[in-house]
Amino acid sequence: MDIDALTRLIPYLVSFVTAVASYKALTEKTKADKDKIEYNRLIEENNRLKADAEVYRKRWLTAEDELEKLRKKQFAEATRSLRPKRKETKQ
């Protein structure tokens, strides 16, 4: 290469190096942004799942309480029907 050809390529070389550096910086920033977005999405999903789990836990406790009430009621009715009936005595 002669000096004349090299002097014509230098402005393009600088532009090319600048473009490559800008592309690298942009892809790194984009990757960091994607990681941050994914992290935030996972945090939000985790919080939503925690809230759902709390709702279902409360429903479970309510259902257990209702079952316990029904068991007590059925037990009371069963023992009432098992008691011997008093014979009525005439006076």
PDB file of N, CA and C in Angstrom:
ATOM      1  N   MET A   1       0.837  -1.181   0.000  1.00  0.00           N
ATOM      2  CA  MET A   1       0.000   0.000   0.000  1.00  0.00           C
ATOM      3  C   MET A   1       0.882   1.244   0.000  1.00  0.00           C
ATOM      4  N   ASP A   2       0.452   2.129  -0.735  1.00  0.00           N
ATOM      5  CA  ASP A   2       1.189   3.385  -0.736  1.00  0.00           C
ATOM      6  C   ASP A   2       0.557   4.363   0.243  1.00  0.00           C
ATOM      7  N   ILE A   3       1.210   5.419   0.489  1.00  0.00           N
ATOM      8  CA  ILE A   3       0.781   6.418   1.463  1.00  0.00           C
ATOM      9  C   ILE A   3      -0.537   7.050   1.048  1.00  0.00           C
ATOM     10  N   ASP A   4      -0.739   7.241  -0.215  1.00  0.00           N
ATOM     11  CA  ASP A   4      -1.961   7.874  -0.700  1.00  0.00           C
ATOM     12  C   ASP A   4      -3.192   7.017  -0.366  1.00  0.00           C
ATOM     13  N   ALA A   5      -3.093   5.706  -0.552  1.00  0.00           N
ATOM     14  CA  ALA A   5      -4.216   4.804  -0.238  1.00  0.00           C
ATOM     15  C   ALA A   5      -4.452   4.757   1.269  1.00  0.00           C
ATOM     16  N   LEU A   6      -3.375   4.769   2.027  1.00  0.00           N
ATOM     17  CA  LEU A   6      -3.502   4.738   3.489  1.00  0.00           C
ATOM     18  C   LEU A   6      -4.173   6.005   4.008  1.00  0.00           C
ATOM     19  N   THR A   7      -3.849   7.135   3.444  1.00  0.00           N
ATOM     20  CA  THR A   7      -4.475   8.379   3.889  1.00  0.00           C
ATOM     21  C   THR A   7      -5.960   8.410   3.545  1.00  0.00           C
ATOM     22  N   ARG A   8      -6.346   7.727   2.487  1.00  0.00           N
ATOM     23  CA  ARG A   8      -7.772   7.672   2.153  1.00  0.00           C
ATOM     24  C   ARG A   8      -8.528   6.723   3.093  1.00  0.00           C
ATOM     25  N   LEU A   9      -7.884   5.701   3.631  1.00  0.00           N
ATOM     26  CA  LEU A   9      -8.540   4.720   4.500  1.00  0.00           C
ATOM     27  C   LEU A   9      -8.627   5.151   5.967  1.00  0.00           C
ATOM     28  N   ILE A  10      -7.757   6.021   6.402  1.00  0.00           N
ATOM     29  CA  ILE A  10      -7.724   6.413   7.817  1.00  0.00           C
ATOM     30  C   ILE A  10      -9.050   7.000   8.295  1.00  0.00           C
ATOM     31  N   PRO A  11      -9.710   7.910   7.589  1.00  0.00           N
ATOM     32  CA  PRO A  11     -11.006   8.409   8.080  1.00  0.00           C
ATOM     33  C   PRO A  11     -12.048   7.296   8.205  1.00  0.00           C
ATOM     34  N   TYR A  12     -12.016   6.364   7.268  1.00  0.00           N
ATOM     35  CA  TYR A  12     -12.967   5.246   7.356  1.00  0.00           C
ATOM     36  C   TYR A  12     -12.610   4.300   8.499  1.00  0.00           C
ATOM     37  N   LEU A  13     -11.330   4.132   8.731  1.00  0.00           N
ATOM     38  CA  LEU A  13     -10.878   3.264   9.816  1.00  0.00           C
ATOM     39  C   LEU A  13     -11.317   3.821  11.168  1.00  0.00           C
ATOM     40  N   VAL A  14     -11.186   5.114  11.344  1.00  0.00           N
ATOM     41  CA  VAL A  14     -11.625   5.747  12.588  1.00  0.00           C
ATOM     42  C   VAL A  14     -13.131   5.578  12.759  1.00  0.00           C
ATOM     43  N   SER A  15     -13.887   5.776  11.703  1.00  0.00           N
ATOM     44  CA  SER A  15     -15.344   5.601  11.771  1.00  0.00           C
ATOM     45  C   SER A  15     -15.701   4.156  12.084  1.00  0.00           C
ATOM     46  N   PHE A  16     -14.961   3.233  11.460  1.00  0.00           N
ATOM     47  CA  PHE A  16     -15.228   1.812  11.696  1.00  0.00           C
ATOM     48  C   PHE A  16     -14.941   1.424  13.150  1.00  0.00           C
ATOM     49  N   VAL A  17     -13.825   1.867  13.683  1.00  0.00           N
ATOM     50  CA  VAL A  17     -13.473   1.562  15.077  1.00  0.00           C
ATOM     51  C   VAL A  17     -14.485   2.192  16.025  1.00  0.00           C
ATOM     52  N   THR A  18     -14.913   3.402  15.747  1.00  0.00           N
ATOM     53  CA  THR A  18     -15.922   4.069  16.571  1.00  0.00           C
ATOM     54  C   THR A  18     -17.240   3.307  16.526  1.00  0.00           C
ATOM     55  N   ALA A  19     -17.626   2.848  15.346  1.00  0.00           N
ATOM     56  CA  ALA A  19     -18.877   2.096  15.211  1.00  0.00           C
ATOM     57  C   ALA A  19     -18.806   0.776  15.972  1.00  0.00           C
ATOM     58  N   VAL A  20     -17.680   0.079  15.882  1.00  0.00           N
ATOM     59  CA  VAL A  20     -17.517  -1.192  16.599  1.00  0.00           C
ATOM     60  C   VAL A  20     -17.555  -0.957  18.106  1.00  0.00           C
ATOM     61  N   ALA A  21     -16.879   0.080  18.572  1.00  0.00           N
ATOM     62  CA  ALA A  21     -16.877   0.383  20.006  1.00  0.00           C
ATOM     63  C   ALA A  21     -18.281   0.748  20.483  1.00  0.00           C
ATOM     64  N   SER A  22     -19.003   1.517  19.699  1.00  0.00           N
ATOM     65  CA  SER A  22     -20.377   1.887  20.065  1.00  0.00           C
ATOM     66  C   SER A  22     -21.276   0.657  20.109  1.00  0.00           C
ATOM     67  N   TYR A  23     -21.102  -0.237  19.132  1.00  0.00           N
ATOM     68  CA  TYR A  23     -21.905  -1.467  19.098  1.00  0.00           C
ATOM     69  C   TYR A  23     -21.620  -2.328  20.329  1.00  0.00           C
ATOM     70  N   LYS A  24     -20.357  -2.468  20.678  1.00  0.00           N
ATOM     71  CA  LYS A  24     -19.992  -3.260  21.861  1.00  0.00           C
ATOM     72  C   LYS A  24     -20.597  -2.651  23.125  1.00  0.00           C
ATOM     73  N   ALA A  25     -20.494  -1.331  23.259  1.00  0.00           N
ATOM     74  CA  ALA A  25     -21.050  -0.670  24.438  1.00  0.00           C
ATOM     75  C   ALA A  25     -22.561  -0.842  24.492  1.00  0.00           C
ATOM     76  N   LEU A  26     -23.213  -0.736  23.348  1.00  0.00           N
ATOM     77  CA  LEU A  26     -24.665  -0.884  23.296  1.00  0.00           C
ATOM     78  C   LEU A  26     -25.093  -2.304  23.651  1.00  0.00           C
ATOM     79  N   THR A  27     -24.379  -3.305  23.129  1.00  0.00           N
ATOM     80  CA  THR A  27     -24.750  -4.692  23.443  1.00  0.00           C
ATOM     81  C   THR A  27     -24.517  -5.005  24.913  1.00  0.00           C
ATOM     82  N   GLU A  28     -23.457  -4.466  25.493  1.00  0.00           N
ATOM     83  CA  GLU A  28     -23.210  -4.678  26.927  1.00  0.00           C
ATOM     84  C   GLU A  28     -24.307  -4.022  27.759  1.00  0.00           C
ATOM     85  N   LYS A  29     -24.692  -2.816  27.370  1.00  0.00           N
ATOM     86  CA  LYS A  29     -25.749  -2.116  28.089  1.00  0.00           C
ATOM     87  C   LYS A  29     -27.071  -2.860  27.926  1.00  0.00           C
ATOM     88  N   THR A  30     -27.337  -3.327  26.715  1.00  0.00           N
ATOM     89  CA  THR A  30     -28.567  -4.070  26.457  1.00  0.00           C
ATOM     90  C   THR A  30     -28.594  -5.353  27.277  1.00  0.00           C
ATOM     91  N   LYS A  31     -27.457  -6.036  27.359  1.00  0.00           N
ATOM     92  CA  LYS A  31     -27.381  -7.269  28.148  1.00  0.00           C
ATOM     93  C   LYS A  31     -27.632  -6.970  29.625  1.00  0.00           C
ATOM     94  N   ALA A  32     -27.031  -5.894  30.126  1.00  0.00           N
ATOM     95  CA  ALA A  32     -27.243  -5.517  31.523  1.00  0.00           C
ATOM     96  C   ALA A  32     -28.705  -5.146  31.763  1.00  0.00           C
ATOM     97  N   ASP A  33     -29.302  -4.423  30.816  1.00  0.00           N
ATOM     98  CA  ASP A  33     -30.718  -4.067  30.942  1.00  0.00           C
ATOM     99  C   ASP A  33     -31.601  -5.307  30.930  1.00  0.00           C
ATOM    100  N   LYS A  34     -31.289  -6.254  30.040  1.00  0.00           N
ATOM    101  CA  LYS A  34     -32.067  -7.491  29.981  1.00  0.00           C
ATOM    102  C   LYS A  34     -31.955  -8.263  31.290  1.00  0.00           C
ATOM    103  N   ASP A  35     -30.745  -8.317  31.845  1.00  0.00           N
ATOM    104  CA  ASP A  35     -30.561  -9.008  33.126  1.00  0.00           C
ATOM    105  C   ASP A  35     -31.358  -8.323  34.235  1.00  0.00           C
ATOM    106  N   LYS A  36     -31.340  -6.993  34.229  1.00  0.00           N
ATOM    107  CA  LYS A  36     -32.074  -6.253  35.253  1.00  0.00           C
ATOM    108  C   LYS A  36     -33.581  -6.458  35.091  1.00  0.00           C
ATOM    109  N   ILE A  37     -34.058  -6.440  33.848  1.00  0.00           N
ATOM    110  CA  ILE A  37     -35.483  -6.655  33.588  1.00  0.00           C
ATOM    111  C   ILE A  37     -35.890  -8.052  34.025  1.00  0.00           C
ATOM    112  N   GLU A  38     -35.066  -9.043  33.719  1.00  0.00           N
ATOM    113  CA  GLU A  38     -35.363 -10.425  34.115  1.00  0.00           C
ATOM    114  C   GLU A  38     -35.374 -10.561  35.642  1.00  0.00           C
ATOM    115  N   TYR A  39     -34.412  -9.917  36.307  1.00  0.00           N
ATOM    116  CA  TYR A  39     -34.355  -9.949  37.771  1.00  0.00           C
ATOM    117  C   TYR A  39     -35.621  -9.327  38.365  1.00  0.00           C
ATOM    118  N   ASN A  40     -36.024  -8.173  37.846  1.00  0.00           N
ATOM    119  CA  ASN A  40     -37.234  -7.513  38.346  1.00  0.00           C
ATOM    120  C   ASN A  40     -38.477  -8.353  38.085  1.00  0.00           C
ATOM    121  N   ARG A  41     -38.527  -9.013  36.925  1.00  0.00           N
ATOM    122  CA  ARG A  41     -39.662  -9.879  36.611  1.00  0.00           C
ATOM    123  C   ARG A  41     -39.735 -11.048  37.594  1.00  0.00           C
ATOM    124  N   LEU A  42     -38.580 -11.620  37.902  1.00  0.00           N
ATOM    125  CA  LEU A  42     -38.557 -12.735  38.851  1.00  0.00           C
ATOM    126  C   LEU A  42     -38.962 -12.285  40.256  1.00  0.00           C
ATOM    127  N   ILE A  43     -38.544 -11.098  40.653  1.00  0.00           N
ATOM    128  CA  ILE A  43     -38.937 -10.564  41.964  1.00  0.00           C
ATOM    129  C   ILE A  43     -40.448 -10.366  42.010  1.00  0.00           C
ATOM    130  N   GLU A  44     -41.018  -9.781  40.949  1.00  0.00           N
ATOM    131  CA  GLU A  44     -42.469  -9.564  40.905  1.00  0.00           C
ATOM    132  C   GLU A  44     -43.224 -10.886  40.922  1.00  0.00           C
ATOM    133  N   GLU A  45     -42.728 -11.863  40.176  1.00  0.00           N
ATOM    134  CA  GLU A  45     -43.389 -13.173  40.158  1.00  0.00           C
ATOM    135  C   GLU A  45     -43.309 -13.838  41.526  1.00  0.00           C
ATOM    136  N   ASN A  46     -42.165 -13.705  42.180  1.00  0.00           N
ATOM    137  CA  ASN A  46     -42.009 -14.270  43.517  1.00  0.00           C
ATOM    138  C   ASN A  46     -42.980 -13.621  44.498  1.00  0.00           C
ATOM    139  N   ASN A  47     -43.121 -12.310  44.429  1.00  0.00           N
ATOM    140  CA  ASN A  47     -44.058 -11.612  45.315  1.00  0.00           C
ATOM    141  C   ASN A  47     -45.499 -12.034  45.042  1.00  0.00           C
ATOM    142  N   ARG A  48     -45.837 -12.201  43.764  1.00  0.00           N
ATOM    143  CA  ARG A  48     -47.191 -12.638  43.408  1.00  0.00           C
ATOM    144  C   ARG A  48     -47.453 -14.049  43.929  1.00  0.00           C
ATOM    145  N   LEU A  49     -46.471 -14.922  43.779  1.00  0.00           N
ATOM    146  CA  LEU A  49     -46.637 -16.292  44.269  1.00  0.00           C
ATOM    147  C   LEU A  49     -46.751 -16.336  45.789  1.00  0.00           C
ATOM    148  N   LYS A  50     -46.006 -15.473  46.472  1.00  0.00           N
ATOM    149  CA  LYS A  50     -46.121 -15.399  47.935  1.00  0.00           C
ATOM    150  C   LYS A  50     -47.526 -14.959  48.334  1.00  0.00           C
ATOM    151  N   ALA A  51     -48.054 -13.965  47.623  1.00  0.00           N
ATOM    152  CA  ALA A  51     -49.402 -13.481  47.928  1.00  0.00           C
ATOM    153  C   ALA A  51     -50.434 -14.572  47.655  1.00  0.00           C
ATOM    154  N   ASP A  52     -50.281 -15.285  46.538  1.00  0.00           N
ATOM    155  CA  ASP A  52     -51.199 -16.387  46.230  1.00  0.00           C
ATOM    156  C   ASP A  52     -51.119 -17.475  47.290  1.00  0.00           C
ATOM    157  N   ALA A  53     -49.914 -17.800  47.719  1.00  0.00           N
ATOM    158  CA  ALA A  53     -49.739 -18.830  48.746  1.00  0.00           C
ATOM    159  C   ALA A  53     -50.406 -18.404  50.050  1.00  0.00           C
ATOM    160  N   GLU A  54     -50.321 -17.136  50.376  1.00  0.00           N
ATOM    161  CA  GLU A  54     -50.956 -16.636  51.602  1.00  0.00           C
ATOM    162  C   GLU A  54     -52.474 -16.749  51.504  1.00  0.00           C
ATOM    163  N   VAL A  55     -53.021 -16.420  50.341  1.00  0.00           N
ATOM    164  CA  VAL A  55     -54.473 -16.533  50.139  1.00  0.00           C
ATOM    165  C   VAL A  55     -54.914 -17.979  50.304  1.00  0.00           C
ATOM    166  N   TYR A  56     -54.183 -18.894  49.665  1.00  0.00           N
ATOM    167  CA  TYR A  56     -54.562 -20.307  49.755  1.00  0.00           C
ATOM    168  C   TYR A  56     -54.363 -20.856  51.162  1.00  0.00           C
ATOM    169  N   ARG A  57     -53.347 -20.359  51.874  1.00  0.00           N
ATOM    170  CA  ARG A  57     -53.140 -20.792  53.261  1.00  0.00           C
ATOM    171  C   ARG A  57     -54.322 -20.362  54.129  1.00  0.00           C
ATOM    172  N   LYS A  58     -54.798 -19.138  53.922  1.00  0.00           N
ATOM    173  CA  LYS A  58     -55.957 -18.662  54.686  1.00  0.00           C
ATOM    174  C   LYS A  58     -57.204 -19.471  54.345  1.00  0.00           C
ATOM    175  N   ARG A  59     -57.374 -19.786  53.058  1.00  0.00           N
ATOM    176  CA  ARG A  59     -58.518 -20.620  52.665  1.00  0.00           C
ATOM    177  C   ARG A  59     -58.429 -21.996  53.317  1.00  0.00           C
ATOM    178  N   TRP A  60     -57.233 -22.554  53.359  1.00  0.00           N
ATOM    179  CA  TRP A  60     -57.021 -23.867  53.966  1.00  0.00           C
ATOM    180  C   TRP A  60     -57.386 -23.826  55.451  1.00  0.00           C
ATOM    181  N   LEU A  61     -56.940 -22.790  56.138  1.00  0.00           N
ATOM    182  CA  LEU A  61     -57.245 -22.676  57.566  1.00  0.00           C
ATOM    183  C   LEU A  61     -58.743 -22.514  57.791  1.00  0.00           C
ATOM    184  N   THR A  62     -59.395 -21.733  56.942  1.00  0.00           N
ATOM    185  CA  THR A  62     -60.843 -21.559  57.052  1.00  0.00           C
ATOM    186  C   THR A  62     -61.558 -22.883  56.830  1.00  0.00           C
ATOM    187  N   ALA A  63     -61.128 -23.631  55.833  1.00  0.00           N
ATOM    188  CA  ALA A  63     -61.745 -24.931  55.558  1.00  0.00           C
ATOM    189  C   ALA A  63     -61.520 -25.889  56.721  1.00  0.00           C
ATOM    190  N   GLU A  64     -60.338 -25.873  57.308  1.00  0.00           N
ATOM    191  CA  GLU A  64     -60.071 -26.734  58.466  1.00  0.00           C
ATOM    192  C   GLU A  64     -60.966 -26.352  59.639  1.00  0.00           C
ATOM    193  N   ASP A  65     -61.145 -25.060  59.864  1.00  0.00           N
ATOM    194  CA  ASP A  65     -62.028 -24.610  60.947  1.00  0.00           C
ATOM    195  C   ASP A  65     -63.464 -25.068  60.705  1.00  0.00           C
ATOM    196  N   GLU A  66     -63.921 -24.938  59.471  1.00  0.00           N
ATOM    197  CA  GLU A  66     -65.288 -25.373  59.157  1.00  0.00           C
ATOM    198  C   GLU A  66     -65.443 -26.880  59.338  1.00  0.00           C
ATOM    199  N   LEU A  67     -64.439 -27.639  58.940  1.00  0.00           N
ATOM    200  CA  LEU A  67     -64.491 -29.090  59.142  1.00  0.00           C
ATOM    201  C   LEU A  67     -64.527 -29.439  60.625  1.00  0.00           C
ATOM    202  N   GLU A  68     -63.757 -28.738  61.402  1.00  0.00           N
ATOM    203  CA  GLU A  68     -63.745 -28.993  62.848  1.00  0.00           C
ATOM    204  C   GLU A  68     -65.112 -28.692  63.458  1.00  0.00           C
ATOM    205  N   LYS A  69     -65.741 -27.615  63.031  1.00  0.00           N
ATOM    206  CA  LYS A  69     -67.082 -27.291  63.528  1.00  0.00           C
ATOM    207  C   LYS A  69     -68.078 -28.375  63.135  1.00  0.00           C
ATOM    208  N   LEU A  70     -67.992 -28.834  61.884  1.00  0.00           N
ATOM    209  CA  LEU A  70     -68.899 -29.893  61.439  1.00  0.00           C
ATOM    210  C   LEU A  70     -68.673 -31.184  62.213  1.00  0.00           C
ATOM    211  N   ARG A  71     -67.426 -31.517  62.473  1.00  0.00           N
ATOM    212  CA  ARG A  71     -67.130 -32.733  63.239  1.00  0.00           C
ATOM    213  C   ARG A  71     -67.701 -32.641  64.647  1.00  0.00           C
ATOM    214  N   LYS A  72     -67.535 -31.484  65.269  1.00  0.00           N
ATOM    215  CA  LYS A  72     -68.070 -31.311  66.625  1.00  0.00           C
ATOM    216  C   LYS A  72     -69.589 -31.409  66.615  1.00  0.00           C
ATOM    217  N   LYS A  73     -70.212 -30.806  65.618  1.00  0.00           N
ATOM    218  CA  LYS A  73     -71.669 -30.838  65.515  1.00  0.00           C
ATOM    219  C   LYS A  73     -72.155 -32.265  65.288  1.00  0.00           C
ATOM    220  N   GLN A  74     -71.493 -32.987  64.373  1.00  0.00           N
ATOM    221  CA  GLN A  74     -71.891 -34.372  64.113  1.00  0.00           C
ATOM    222  C   GLN A  74     -71.659 -35.245  65.338  1.00  0.00           C
ATOM    223  N   PHE A  75     -70.572 -35.006  66.049  1.00  0.00           N
ATOM    224  CA  PHE A  75     -70.296 -35.785  67.253  1.00  0.00           C
ATOM    225  C   PHE A  75     -71.369 -35.531  68.306  1.00  0.00           C
ATOM    226  N   ALA A  76     -71.759 -34.269  68.451  1.00  0.00           N
ATOM    227  CA  ALA A  76     -72.794 -33.939  69.432  1.00  0.00           C
ATOM    228  C   ALA A  76     -74.118 -34.592  69.051  1.00  0.00           C
ATOM    229  N   GLU A  77     -74.464 -34.571  67.771  1.00  0.00           N
ATOM    230  CA  GLU A  77     -75.711 -35.202  67.330  1.00  0.00           C
ATOM    231  C   GLU A  77     -75.643 -36.715  67.492  1.00  0.00           C
ATOM    232  N   ALA A  78     -74.498 -37.302  67.210  1.00  0.00           N
ATOM    233  CA  ALA A  78     -74.351 -38.755  67.325  1.00  0.00           C
ATOM    234  C   ALA A  78     -74.443 -39.187  68.782  1.00  0.00           C
ATOM    235  N   THR A  79     -73.825 -38.462  69.671  1.00  0.00           N
ATOM    236  CA  THR A  79     -73.877 -38.850  71.085  1.00  0.00           C
ATOM    237  C   THR A  79     -75.265 -38.603  71.656  1.00  0.00           C
ATOM    238  N   ARG A  80     -75.954 -37.606  71.146  1.00  0.00           N
ATOM    239  CA  ARG A  80     -77.308 -37.342  71.614  1.00  0.00           C
ATOM    240  C   ARG A  80     -78.233 -38.500  71.217  1.00  0.00           C
ATOM    241  N   SER A  81     -78.041 -39.011  70.009  1.00  0.00           N
ATOM    242  CA  SER A  81     -78.915 -40.099  69.568  1.00  0.00           C
ATOM    243  C   SER A  81     -78.528 -41.425  70.220  1.00  0.00           C
ATOM    244  N   LEU A  82     -77.332 -41.533  70.756  1.00  0.00           N
ATOM    245  CA  LEU A  82     -76.913 -42.773  71.407  1.00  0.00           C
ATOM    246  C   LEU A  82     -77.331 -42.838  72.880  1.00  0.00           C
ATOM    247  N   ARG A  83     -77.705 -41.739  73.449  1.00  0.00           N
ATOM    248  CA  ARG A  83     -78.114 -41.737  74.855  1.00  0.00           C
ATOM    249  C   ARG A  83     -79.397 -42.547  75.005  1.00  0.00           C
ATOM    250  N   PRO A  84     -79.448 -43.319  76.038  1.00  0.00           N
ATOM    251  CA  PRO A  84     -80.688 -44.084  76.245  1.00  0.00           C
ATOM    252  C   PRO A  84     -81.831 -43.140  76.586  1.00  0.00           C
ATOM    253  N   LYS A  85     -82.956 -43.453  76.032  1.00  0.00           N
ATOM    254  CA  LYS A  85     -84.125 -42.621  76.305  1.00  0.00           C
ATOM    255  C   LYS A  85     -84.674 -43.003  77.667  1.00  0.00           C
ATOM    256  N   ARG A  86     -85.123 -42.026  78.365  1.00  0.00           N
ATOM    257  CA  ARG A  86     -85.693 -42.280  79.691  1.00  0.00           C
ATOM    258  C   ARG A  86     -87.071 -42.898  79.544  1.00  0.00           C
ATOM    259  N   LYS A  87     -87.259 -43.829  80.355  1.00  0.00           N
ATOM    260  CA  LYS A  87     -88.596 -44.418  80.378  1.00  0.00           C
ATOM    261  C   LYS A  87     -89.468 -43.519  81.221  1.00  0.00           C
ATOM    262  N   GLU A  88     -90.561 -43.196  80.659  1.00  0.00           N
ATOM    263  CA  GLU A  88     -91.465 -42.338  81.408  1.00  0.00           C
ATOM    264  C   GLU A  88     -92.232 -43.193  82.407  1.00  0.00           C
ATOM    265  N   THR A  89     -92.235 -42.757  83.596  1.00  0.00           N
ATOM    266  CA  THR A  89     -92.966 -43.474  84.645  1.00  0.00           C
ATOM    267  C   THR A  89     -94.252 -42.738  84.932  1.00  0.00           C
ATOM    268  N   LYS A  90     -95.270 -43.515  85.095  1.00  0.00           N
ATOM    269  CA  LYS A  90     -96.559 -42.900  85.398  1.00  0.00           C
ATOM    270  C   LYS A  90     -96.645 -42.679  86.890  1.00  0.00           C
ATOM    271  N   GLN A  91     -97.173 -41.590  87.242  1.00  0.00           N
ATOM    272  CA  GLN A  91     -97.303 -41.297  88.660  1.00  0.00           C
ATOM    273  C   GLN A  91     -98.706 -41.318  89.108  1.00  0.00           C
TER     274      GLN A  91
END
